[in-house]
Amino acid sequence: MRSVIEFFWQFLLGITSAVGFAALIVGGVAFGIGCAVCGCGYTWRRWRRRALGRPPEK
């Protein structure tokens, strides 16, 4: 009986770890893509123009 409980405990720990690790990877990728999009010069200039109320450049 003890080995069954140990198996289920390790199984639960493994599943929880796998889900947590996957969430960490997905969150890191989303954060990196967000930084790349918001950090590029075109997006930054466009956002600043809109925030300051300037008309778009032609």
C-alpha atoms as a PDB file:
ATOM      1  CA  MET A   1       0.000   0.000   0.000  1.00  0.00           C
ATOM      2  CA  ARG A   2       2.862   2.323   0.786  1.00  0.00           C
ATOM      3  CA  SER A   3       4.341   1.948  -2.703  1.00  0.00           C
ATOM      4  CA  VAL A   4       0.977   2.834  -4.263  1.00  0.00           C
ATOM      5  CA  ILE A   5       0.779   6.019  -2.193  1.00  0.00           C
ATOM      6  CA  GLU A   6       4.373   6.890  -3.095  1.00  0.00           C
ATOM      7  CA  PHE A   7       3.610   6.297  -6.779  1.00  0.00           C
ATOM      8  CA  PHE A   8       0.557   8.571  -6.706  1.00  0.00           C
ATOM      9  CA  TRP A   9       2.484  11.222  -4.773  1.00  0.00           C
ATOM     10  CA  GLN A  10       5.328  11.199  -7.301  1.00  0.00           C
ATOM     11  CA  PHE A  11       2.863  11.135 -10.196  1.00  0.00           C
ATOM     12  CA  LEU A  12       1.011  14.150  -8.799  1.00  0.00           C
ATOM     13  CA  LEU A  13       4.293  15.963  -8.180  1.00  0.00           C
ATOM     14  CA  GLY A  14       5.461  15.191 -11.725  1.00  0.00           C
ATOM     15  CA  ILE A  15       2.227  16.401 -13.328  1.00  0.00           C
ATOM     16  CA  THR A  16       2.253  19.582 -11.228  1.00  0.00           C
ATOM     17  CA  SER A  17       5.879  20.242 -12.111  1.00  0.00           C
ATOM     18  CA  ALA A  18       5.266  19.668 -15.809  1.00  0.00           C
ATOM     19  CA  VAL A  19       2.304  22.056 -15.857  1.00  0.00           C
ATOM     20  CA  GLY A  20       4.236  24.670 -13.901  1.00  0.00           C
ATOM     21  CA  PHE A  21       7.269  24.384 -16.177  1.00  0.00           C
ATOM     22  CA  ALA A  22       5.098  24.651 -19.293  1.00  0.00           C
ATOM     23  CA  ALA A  23       3.399  27.758 -17.874  1.00  0.00           C
ATOM     24  CA  LEU A  24       6.806  29.254 -17.123  1.00  0.00           C
ATOM     25  CA  ILE A  25       8.003  28.638 -20.685  1.00  0.00           C
ATOM     26  CA  VAL A  26       4.810  30.006 -22.276  1.00  0.00           C
ATOM     27  CA  GLY A  27       4.883  33.056 -20.000  1.00  0.00           C
ATOM     28  CA  GLY A  28       8.528  33.701 -20.811  1.00  0.00           C
ATOM     29  CA  VAL A  29       7.921  33.472 -24.535  1.00  0.00           C
ATOM     30  CA  ALA A  30       4.906  35.791 -24.300  1.00  0.00           C
ATOM     31  CA  PHE A  31       6.918  38.268 -22.240  1.00  0.00           C
ATOM     32  CA  GLY A  32       9.790  38.152 -24.724  1.00  0.00           C
ATOM     33  CA  ILE A  33       7.518  38.713 -27.693  1.00  0.00           C
ATOM     34  CA  GLY A  34       5.810  41.572 -25.882  1.00  0.00           C
ATOM     35  CA  CYS A  35       9.159  43.186 -25.129  1.00  0.00           C
ATOM     36  CA  ALA A  36      10.229  42.791 -28.754  1.00  0.00           C
ATOM     37  CA  VAL A  37       7.024  44.344 -30.077  1.00  0.00           C
ATOM     38  CA  CYS A  38       6.944  47.223 -27.591  1.00  0.00           C
ATOM     39  CA  GLY A  39      10.671  47.799 -27.835  1.00  0.00           C
ATOM     40  CA  CYS A  40      10.943  48.149 -31.583  1.00  0.00           C
ATOM     41  CA  GLY A  41      11.394  51.693 -32.788  1.00  0.00           C
ATOM     42  CA  TYR A  42       8.379  51.829 -35.100  1.00  0.00           C
ATOM     43  CA  THR A  43       5.925  50.782 -32.389  1.00  0.00           C
ATOM     44  CA  TRP A  44       7.508  53.112 -29.842  1.00  0.00           C
ATOM     45  CA  ARG A  45       7.328  56.149 -32.155  1.00  0.00           C
ATOM     46  CA  ARG A  46       3.759  55.382 -33.181  1.00  0.00           C
ATOM     47  CA  TRP A  47       2.656  54.965 -29.563  1.00  0.00           C
ATOM     48  CA  ARG A  48       4.331  58.233 -28.511  1.00  0.00           C
ATOM     49  CA  ARG A  49       2.730  60.135 -31.404  1.00  0.00           C
ATOM     50  CA  ARG A  50      -0.670  58.821 -30.464  1.00  0.00           C
ATOM     51  CA  ALA A  51      -0.129  59.561 -26.762  1.00  0.00           C
ATOM     52  CA  LEU A  52       0.928  63.140 -27.492  1.00  0.00           C
ATOM     53  CA  GLY A  53      -1.912  63.727 -29.923  1.00  0.00           C
ATOM     54  CA  ARG A  54       0.292  64.405 -32.950  1.00  0.00           C
ATOM     55  CA  PRO A  55      -0.957  63.502 -36.418  1.00  0.00           C
ATOM     56  CA  PRO A  56       0.698  60.484 -38.041  1.00  0.00           C
ATOM     57  CA  GLU A  57       3.674  61.094 -40.296  1.00  0.00           C
ATOM     58  CA  LYS A  58       3.232  60.583 -44.028  1.00  0.00           C
END
